[in-house]
Every structure is written in structure tokens, then in C-alpha cells.
Amino acid sequence: MHHALFAWLRELAFVDSGPEGVYLHDLARDALEADLRWRDPDGYRQPVRGARDYINRRLQTSRGQNSSARSPTPSIMFRRLPGVPSPVDWAAWGQQHPEPARPADRESIMGLVLAGEGEESSTLTARWWERQA
């Protein structure tokens, strides 16, 4: 049963896998977490505590090169603390609506792509922008 479930998870576009298991991409993880926290606040606390305990055990038992390579990032547990930015502003979810980019938006978008993804993605984005109707 578990093997089939993990095989299915590994095939999803928003899941990565590594030597320690499967990992949801940040946006998918944040969306699922926000939904669980909204639907079942008490039920939300149980997996959070379990993840926190697991991460703490791994950090306490890993040493040297293994400490960072084999331990999940503790930033996962700290991302909900005040002052720690999330990739998504969940408080504003549903209050903003997408609209087509305007020619005046080009420089801002190109700057965001360059800063977040690097030169190669920026070049690809520029080509894409030029070819759009």
C-alpha cells in the first residue's frame, strides 16, 4: 500500500523525491497547510508537531557533513513565525485577480525573473515576451 502511494506521489508535478523521501514544492505545501489549518485547526497541530519533533531529532543526531545534507531544513518549521516571509501572502488570497501583462510591466517582470531565476531564464523570458501577441 505505502509503496503504491509513494510511487503515485513521485509522479505528481509538484512533488520532488530524494534519499529521505518525497517533498512537496513550497507552493503546494503552503496551499495544503493553509487549507488544513482553515478546515481543522486542531488536526493541523498534530502533523506540525510530528514534523517539528522529527526535524529536531535529525538535527540532534546528525554531525559533520551529514548534519546539513541529511537533515530537513529547519526553515520549514520557522516560516510561520512573524517576520519570516512566505512565498505566498495567504491573507490576501482571493483578493487579487490576474490580468494580462502590459508593455509597461516588462521591465519589472524581467527584473523579477533575473533576480529569482538568473540570466538564462531572463533571456528565455525576453524571447517569450517578444513573441507574444
N, C-alpha and C. Protein backbone atom coordinates (compact mmCIF):
# COMPACT_ATOMS: atom_id res chain seq x y z
N MET A 1 0.83 -1.20 0.00
CA MET A 1 0.00 0.00 0.00
C MET A 1 0.87 1.26 0.00
N HIS A 2 1.83 1.34 0.93
CA HIS A 2 2.66 2.54 1.01
C HIS A 2 3.51 2.72 -0.24
N HIS A 3 4.02 1.60 -0.79
CA HIS A 3 4.85 1.71 -2.00
C HIS A 3 4.06 2.30 -3.16
N ALA A 4 2.82 1.87 -3.32
CA ALA A 4 1.98 2.39 -4.40
C ALA A 4 1.68 3.87 -4.20
N LEU A 5 1.42 4.27 -2.96
CA LEU A 5 1.13 5.67 -2.66
C LEU A 5 2.34 6.55 -2.95
N PHE A 6 3.53 6.12 -2.51
CA PHE A 6 4.72 6.93 -2.75
C PHE A 6 5.09 6.95 -4.23
N ALA A 7 4.86 5.85 -4.94
CA ALA A 7 5.10 5.84 -6.39
C ALA A 7 4.18 6.85 -7.07
N TRP A 8 2.92 6.90 -6.65
CA TRP A 8 1.98 7.86 -7.20
C TRP A 8 2.41 9.29 -6.88
N LEU A 9 2.81 9.54 -5.64
CA LEU A 9 3.25 10.88 -5.26
C LEU A 9 4.44 11.34 -6.09
N ARG A 10 5.40 10.45 -6.32
CA ARG A 10 6.60 10.82 -7.07
C ARG A 10 6.28 11.25 -8.50
N GLU A 11 5.15 10.82 -9.04
CA GLU A 11 4.77 11.18 -10.40
C GLU A 11 4.10 12.54 -10.50
N LEU A 12 3.68 13.12 -9.39
CA LEU A 12 2.99 14.41 -9.41
C LEU A 12 3.98 15.53 -9.71
N ALA A 13 3.53 16.51 -10.48
CA ALA A 13 4.40 17.61 -10.92
C ALA A 13 4.88 18.47 -9.76
N PHE A 14 4.16 18.51 -8.66
CA PHE A 14 4.53 19.38 -7.55
C PHE A 14 5.21 18.62 -6.41
N VAL A 15 5.75 17.44 -6.71
CA VAL A 15 6.44 16.62 -5.71
C VAL A 15 7.84 16.30 -6.21
N ASP A 16 8.83 16.47 -5.34
CA ASP A 16 10.20 16.04 -5.61
C ASP A 16 10.49 14.88 -4.68
N SER A 17 11.45 14.06 -5.05
CA SER A 17 11.85 12.98 -4.15
C SER A 17 13.36 13.00 -4.00
N GLY A 18 13.81 12.50 -2.86
CA GLY A 18 15.23 12.44 -2.56
C GLY A 18 15.50 11.24 -1.68
N PRO A 19 16.71 11.14 -1.17
CA PRO A 19 17.07 9.98 -0.37
C PRO A 19 16.26 9.86 0.92
N GLU A 20 15.71 10.95 1.40
CA GLU A 20 14.94 10.92 2.64
C GLU A 20 13.44 10.82 2.43
N GLY A 21 12.99 10.78 1.17
CA GLY A 21 11.55 10.66 0.93
C GLY A 21 11.06 11.63 -0.12
N VAL A 22 9.77 11.96 -0.04
CA VAL A 22 9.15 12.87 -1.01
C VAL A 22 8.94 14.23 -0.36
N TYR A 23 8.98 15.26 -1.18
CA TYR A 23 8.85 16.63 -0.71
C TYR A 23 7.91 17.39 -1.62
N LEU A 24 6.95 18.07 -1.04
CA LEU A 24 6.07 18.94 -1.82
C LEU A 24 6.82 20.22 -2.17
N HIS A 25 6.55 20.75 -3.34
CA HIS A 25 7.08 22.07 -3.68
C HIS A 25 6.50 23.09 -2.70
N ASP A 26 7.19 24.18 -2.50
CA ASP A 26 6.80 25.17 -1.49
C ASP A 26 5.35 25.63 -1.63
N LEU A 27 4.94 25.97 -2.85
CA LEU A 27 3.60 26.50 -3.04
C LEU A 27 2.55 25.44 -2.73
N ALA A 28 2.77 24.21 -3.17
CA ALA A 28 1.81 23.13 -2.88
C ALA A 28 1.74 22.87 -1.38
N ARG A 29 2.89 22.85 -0.73
CA ARG A 29 2.93 22.62 0.72
C ARG A 29 2.19 23.74 1.46
N ASP A 30 2.44 24.98 1.06
CA ASP A 30 1.78 26.11 1.72
C ASP A 30 0.27 26.07 1.50
N ALA A 31 -0.16 25.70 0.28
CA ALA A 31 -1.60 25.65 -0.01
C ALA A 31 -2.28 24.55 0.82
N LEU A 32 -1.68 23.37 0.87
CA LEU A 32 -2.25 22.28 1.67
C LEU A 32 -2.26 22.62 3.15
N GLU A 33 -1.19 23.22 3.60
CA GLU A 33 -1.11 23.60 5.01
C GLU A 33 -2.17 24.64 5.37
N ALA A 34 -2.34 25.65 4.51
CA ALA A 34 -3.35 26.69 4.77
C ALA A 34 -4.74 26.09 4.79
N ASP A 35 -5.01 25.16 3.88
CA ASP A 35 -6.32 24.53 3.82
C ASP A 35 -6.59 23.70 5.07
N LEU A 36 -5.61 22.90 5.50
CA LEU A 36 -5.78 22.10 6.72
C LEU A 36 -5.95 22.99 7.94
N ARG A 37 -5.16 24.05 8.03
CA ARG A 37 -5.25 24.97 9.17
C ARG A 37 -6.63 25.62 9.21
N TRP A 38 -7.22 25.91 8.06
CA TRP A 38 -8.54 26.53 7.98
C TRP A 38 -9.64 25.52 8.30
N ARG A 39 -9.54 24.30 7.76
CA ARG A 39 -10.59 23.30 7.93
C ARG A 39 -10.58 22.64 9.30
N ASP A 40 -9.38 22.41 9.84
CA ASP A 40 -9.26 21.64 11.08
C ASP A 40 -8.06 22.14 11.90
N PRO A 41 -8.22 23.27 12.60
CA PRO A 41 -7.08 23.83 13.33
C PRO A 41 -6.47 22.86 14.34
N ASP A 42 -7.28 22.08 15.01
CA ASP A 42 -6.73 21.11 15.97
C ASP A 42 -5.99 19.98 15.24
N GLY A 43 -6.57 19.50 14.15
CA GLY A 43 -5.91 18.45 13.37
C GLY A 43 -4.63 18.95 12.73
N TYR A 44 -4.55 20.24 12.43
CA TYR A 44 -3.35 20.83 11.85
C TYR A 44 -2.16 20.73 12.79
N ARG A 45 -2.40 20.88 14.07
CA ARG A 45 -1.30 20.90 15.04
C ARG A 45 -0.57 19.56 15.13
N GLN A 46 -1.27 18.45 14.95
CA GLN A 46 -0.65 17.14 15.10
C GLN A 46 0.48 16.88 14.09
N PRO A 47 0.26 17.04 12.77
CA PRO A 47 1.38 16.82 11.86
C PRO A 47 2.49 17.85 12.01
N VAL A 48 2.13 19.08 12.41
CA VAL A 48 3.16 20.10 12.61
C VAL A 48 4.07 19.69 13.77
N ARG A 49 3.47 19.22 14.85
CA ARG A 49 4.29 18.75 15.98
C ARG A 49 5.15 17.56 15.58
N GLY A 50 4.57 16.63 14.82
CA GLY A 50 5.33 15.47 14.36
C GLY A 50 6.50 15.87 13.50
N ALA A 51 6.29 16.80 12.57
CA ALA A 51 7.38 17.27 11.71
C ALA A 51 8.44 17.98 12.54
N ARG A 52 8.00 18.81 13.48
CA ARG A 52 8.95 19.52 14.34
C ARG A 52 9.80 18.54 15.14
N ASP A 53 9.16 17.53 15.72
CA ASP A 53 9.89 16.54 16.51
C ASP A 53 10.88 15.76 15.64
N TYR A 54 10.47 15.40 14.43
CA TYR A 54 11.34 14.68 13.51
C TYR A 54 12.56 15.52 13.16
N ILE A 55 12.33 16.78 12.79
CA ILE A 55 13.43 17.68 12.43
C ILE A 55 14.37 17.87 13.61
N ASN A 56 13.82 18.07 14.79
CA ASN A 56 14.68 18.23 15.98
C ASN A 56 15.53 16.99 16.22
N ARG A 57 14.93 15.80 16.10
CA ARG A 57 15.71 14.56 16.29
C ARG A 57 16.83 14.46 15.27
N ARG A 58 16.52 14.78 14.01
CA ARG A 58 17.54 14.69 12.96
C ARG A 58 18.67 15.69 13.21
N LEU A 59 18.33 16.90 13.62
CA LEU A 59 19.36 17.91 13.89
C LEU A 59 20.22 17.52 15.08
N GLN A 60 19.64 16.87 16.08
CA GLN A 60 20.39 16.48 17.27
C GLN A 60 21.28 15.26 17.04
N THR A 61 20.93 14.41 16.10
CA THR A 61 21.70 13.18 15.89
C THR A 61 22.64 13.24 14.70
N SER A 62 22.55 14.25 13.86
CA SER A 62 23.42 14.37 12.69
C SER A 62 24.63 15.22 13.04
N ARG A 63 25.77 14.80 12.54
CA ARG A 63 27.02 15.53 12.82
C ARG A 63 27.82 15.71 11.54
N GLY A 64 28.68 16.71 11.53
CA GLY A 64 29.60 16.92 10.43
C GLY A 64 28.90 17.16 9.11
N GLN A 65 29.42 16.53 8.05
CA GLN A 65 28.85 16.71 6.72
C GLN A 65 27.40 16.24 6.66
N ASN A 66 27.06 15.25 7.45
CA ASN A 66 25.71 14.72 7.43
C ASN A 66 24.69 15.67 8.03
N SER A 67 25.15 16.61 8.83
CA SER A 67 24.18 17.45 9.55
C SER A 67 23.33 18.28 8.61
N SER A 68 23.91 18.82 7.55
CA SER A 68 23.09 19.62 6.64
C SER A 68 22.55 18.78 5.50
N ALA A 69 23.31 17.81 5.04
CA ALA A 69 22.88 17.03 3.88
C ALA A 69 21.75 16.06 4.21
N ARG A 70 21.70 15.56 5.43
CA ARG A 70 20.72 14.53 5.75
C ARG A 70 19.61 15.02 6.66
N SER A 71 19.62 16.28 7.01
CA SER A 71 18.57 16.81 7.87
C SER A 71 17.69 17.74 7.07
N PRO A 72 16.37 17.65 7.25
CA PRO A 72 15.50 18.61 6.56
C PRO A 72 15.78 20.02 7.06
N THR A 73 15.52 20.96 6.23
CA THR A 73 15.81 22.34 6.61
C THR A 73 14.90 22.80 7.74
N PRO A 74 15.48 23.33 8.81
CA PRO A 74 14.64 23.83 9.90
C PRO A 74 13.81 25.04 9.51
N SER A 75 14.16 25.69 8.38
CA SER A 75 13.37 26.86 7.97
C SER A 75 11.92 26.49 7.70
N ILE A 76 11.66 25.21 7.38
CA ILE A 76 10.27 24.77 7.17
C ILE A 76 9.45 25.06 8.42
N MET A 77 10.04 24.82 9.58
CA MET A 77 9.30 24.99 10.82
C MET A 77 9.18 26.46 11.22
N PHE A 78 10.08 27.30 10.73
CA PHE A 78 10.10 28.69 11.16
C PHE A 78 9.38 29.62 10.20
N ARG A 79 8.88 29.12 9.08
CA ARG A 79 8.32 30.00 8.06
C ARG A 79 7.03 30.68 8.49
N ARG A 80 6.38 30.22 9.54
CA ARG A 80 5.14 30.84 10.01
C ARG A 80 5.38 31.85 11.14
N LEU A 81 6.62 32.01 11.54
CA LEU A 81 6.91 32.98 12.60
C LEU A 81 6.78 34.40 12.04
N PRO A 82 6.34 35.34 12.88
CA PRO A 82 6.27 36.73 12.41
C PRO A 82 7.64 37.19 11.92
N GLY A 83 7.65 37.89 10.81
CA GLY A 83 8.90 38.40 10.26
C GLY A 83 9.57 37.45 9.28
N VAL A 84 9.11 36.20 9.18
CA VAL A 84 9.67 35.26 8.21
C VAL A 84 8.75 35.25 7.00
N PRO A 85 9.24 35.74 5.85
CA PRO A 85 8.35 35.87 4.70
C PRO A 85 7.97 34.51 4.11
N SER A 86 6.75 34.42 3.62
CA SER A 86 6.25 33.24 2.90
C SER A 86 6.25 33.58 1.42
N PRO A 87 6.41 32.57 0.55
CA PRO A 87 6.35 32.88 -0.87
C PRO A 87 4.95 33.33 -1.32
N VAL A 88 3.95 33.09 -0.49
CA VAL A 88 2.58 33.47 -0.83
C VAL A 88 1.98 34.25 0.34
N ASP A 89 1.33 35.34 0.04
CA ASP A 89 0.61 36.10 1.06
C ASP A 89 -0.78 35.50 1.19
N TRP A 90 -0.94 34.53 2.11
CA TRP A 90 -2.21 33.82 2.22
C TRP A 90 -3.33 34.71 2.73
N ALA A 91 -3.00 35.76 3.46
CA ALA A 91 -4.04 36.66 3.95
C ALA A 91 -4.74 37.38 2.78
N ALA A 92 -4.00 37.59 1.69
CA ALA A 92 -4.56 38.29 0.54
C ALA A 92 -5.13 37.32 -0.51
N TRP A 93 -5.09 36.01 -0.22
CA TRP A 93 -5.55 35.01 -1.18
C TRP A 93 -7.00 35.27 -1.57
N GLY A 94 -7.28 35.30 -2.85
CA GLY A 94 -8.63 35.52 -3.34
C GLY A 94 -9.01 36.98 -3.48
N GLN A 95 -8.16 37.88 -3.01
CA GLN A 95 -8.46 39.31 -3.11
C GLN A 95 -7.77 39.94 -4.31
N GLN A 96 -6.87 39.20 -4.94
CA GLN A 96 -6.16 39.72 -6.10
C GLN A 96 -6.57 38.90 -7.32
N HIS A 97 -6.62 39.54 -8.45
CA HIS A 97 -7.08 38.88 -9.66
C HIS A 97 -6.04 39.06 -10.76
N PRO A 98 -5.71 37.98 -11.46
CA PRO A 98 -4.70 38.10 -12.52
C PRO A 98 -5.23 38.95 -13.67
N GLU A 99 -4.31 39.59 -14.33
CA GLU A 99 -4.64 40.38 -15.52
C GLU A 99 -3.47 40.26 -16.48
N PRO A 100 -3.72 40.48 -17.74
CA PRO A 100 -2.61 40.38 -18.71
C PRO A 100 -1.53 41.42 -18.42
N ALA A 101 -0.31 41.02 -18.68
CA ALA A 101 0.80 41.97 -18.52
C ALA A 101 0.71 43.04 -19.60
N ARG A 102 1.07 44.23 -19.24
CA ARG A 102 1.07 45.37 -20.17
C ARG A 102 2.51 45.66 -20.59
N PRO A 103 2.69 46.34 -21.69
CA PRO A 103 4.06 46.69 -22.09
C PRO A 103 4.83 47.42 -20.97
N ALA A 104 4.13 48.22 -20.19
CA ALA A 104 4.79 48.96 -19.10
C ALA A 104 5.28 48.03 -17.99
N ASP A 105 4.78 46.78 -17.95
CA ASP A 105 5.17 45.82 -16.91
C ASP A 105 6.47 45.07 -17.27
N ARG A 106 6.91 45.19 -18.51
CA ARG A 106 8.02 44.37 -18.99
C ARG A 106 9.26 44.48 -18.12
N GLU A 107 9.70 45.67 -17.84
CA GLU A 107 10.95 45.84 -17.08
C GLU A 107 10.85 45.25 -15.67
N SER A 108 9.72 45.45 -15.02
CA SER A 108 9.55 44.88 -13.68
C SER A 108 9.56 43.36 -13.72
N ILE A 109 8.87 42.79 -14.69
CA ILE A 109 8.82 41.33 -14.82
C ILE A 109 10.21 40.79 -15.13
N MET A 110 10.90 41.42 -16.06
CA MET A 110 12.25 40.97 -16.41
C MET A 110 13.18 41.05 -15.20
N GLY A 111 13.05 42.09 -14.40
CA GLY A 111 13.87 42.22 -13.20
C GLY A 111 13.59 41.11 -12.19
N LEU A 112 12.31 40.77 -12.03
CA LEU A 112 11.95 39.68 -11.11
C LEU A 112 12.50 38.34 -11.58
N VAL A 113 12.38 38.07 -12.89
CA VAL A 113 12.89 36.81 -13.42
C VAL A 113 14.41 36.75 -13.28
N LEU A 114 15.09 37.83 -13.59
CA LEU A 114 16.55 37.85 -13.48
C LEU A 114 16.98 37.62 -12.03
N ALA A 115 16.34 38.30 -11.09
CA ALA A 115 16.71 38.17 -9.67
C ALA A 115 16.37 36.78 -9.13
N GLY A 116 15.25 36.22 -9.56
CA GLY A 116 14.83 34.95 -8.98
C GLY A 116 15.33 33.72 -9.71
N GLU A 117 15.55 33.84 -11.01
CA GLU A 117 15.88 32.66 -11.82
C GLU A 117 17.22 32.74 -12.53
N GLY A 118 17.77 33.94 -12.66
CA GLY A 118 19.08 34.07 -13.30
C GLY A 118 19.01 34.49 -14.77
N GLU A 119 20.19 34.61 -15.34
CA GLU A 119 20.35 35.14 -16.70
C GLU A 119 19.69 34.26 -17.76
N GLU A 120 19.85 32.95 -17.67
CA GLU A 120 19.28 32.06 -18.69
C GLU A 120 17.76 32.19 -18.75
N SER A 121 17.11 32.17 -17.60
CA SER A 121 15.65 32.33 -17.58
C SER A 121 15.24 33.72 -18.04
N SER A 122 16.03 34.71 -17.70
CA SER A 122 15.73 36.07 -18.13
C SER A 122 15.77 36.17 -19.65
N THR A 123 16.76 35.53 -20.27
CA THR A 123 16.86 35.53 -21.74
C THR A 123 15.66 34.82 -22.36
N LEU A 124 15.28 33.67 -21.79
CA LEU A 124 14.11 32.95 -22.30
C LEU A 124 12.83 33.77 -22.14
N THR A 125 12.71 34.45 -21.03
CA THR A 125 11.52 35.27 -20.78
C THR A 125 11.47 36.43 -21.78
N ALA A 126 12.61 37.02 -22.05
CA ALA A 126 12.65 38.12 -23.02
C ALA A 126 12.21 37.64 -24.40
N ARG A 127 12.67 36.44 -24.80
CA ARG A 127 12.24 35.87 -26.09
C ARG A 127 10.74 35.60 -26.09
N TRP A 128 10.26 35.05 -25.01
CA TRP A 128 8.83 34.77 -24.90
C TRP A 128 8.03 36.07 -25.00
N TRP A 129 8.48 37.08 -24.28
CA TRP A 129 7.78 38.38 -24.27
C TRP A 129 7.68 38.95 -25.69
N GLU A 130 8.77 38.87 -26.44
CA GLU A 130 8.82 39.41 -27.80
C GLU A 130 7.83 38.70 -28.73
N ARG A 131 7.58 37.42 -28.49
CA ARG A 131 6.77 36.63 -29.41
C ARG A 131 5.27 36.60 -29.04
N GLN A 132 4.91 37.19 -27.92
CA GLN A 132 3.51 37.16 -27.51
C GLN A 132 2.69 38.18 -28.28
N ALA A 133 1.45 37.81 -28.53
CA ALA A 133 0.56 38.73 -29.26
C ALA A 133 0.22 39.93 -28.40
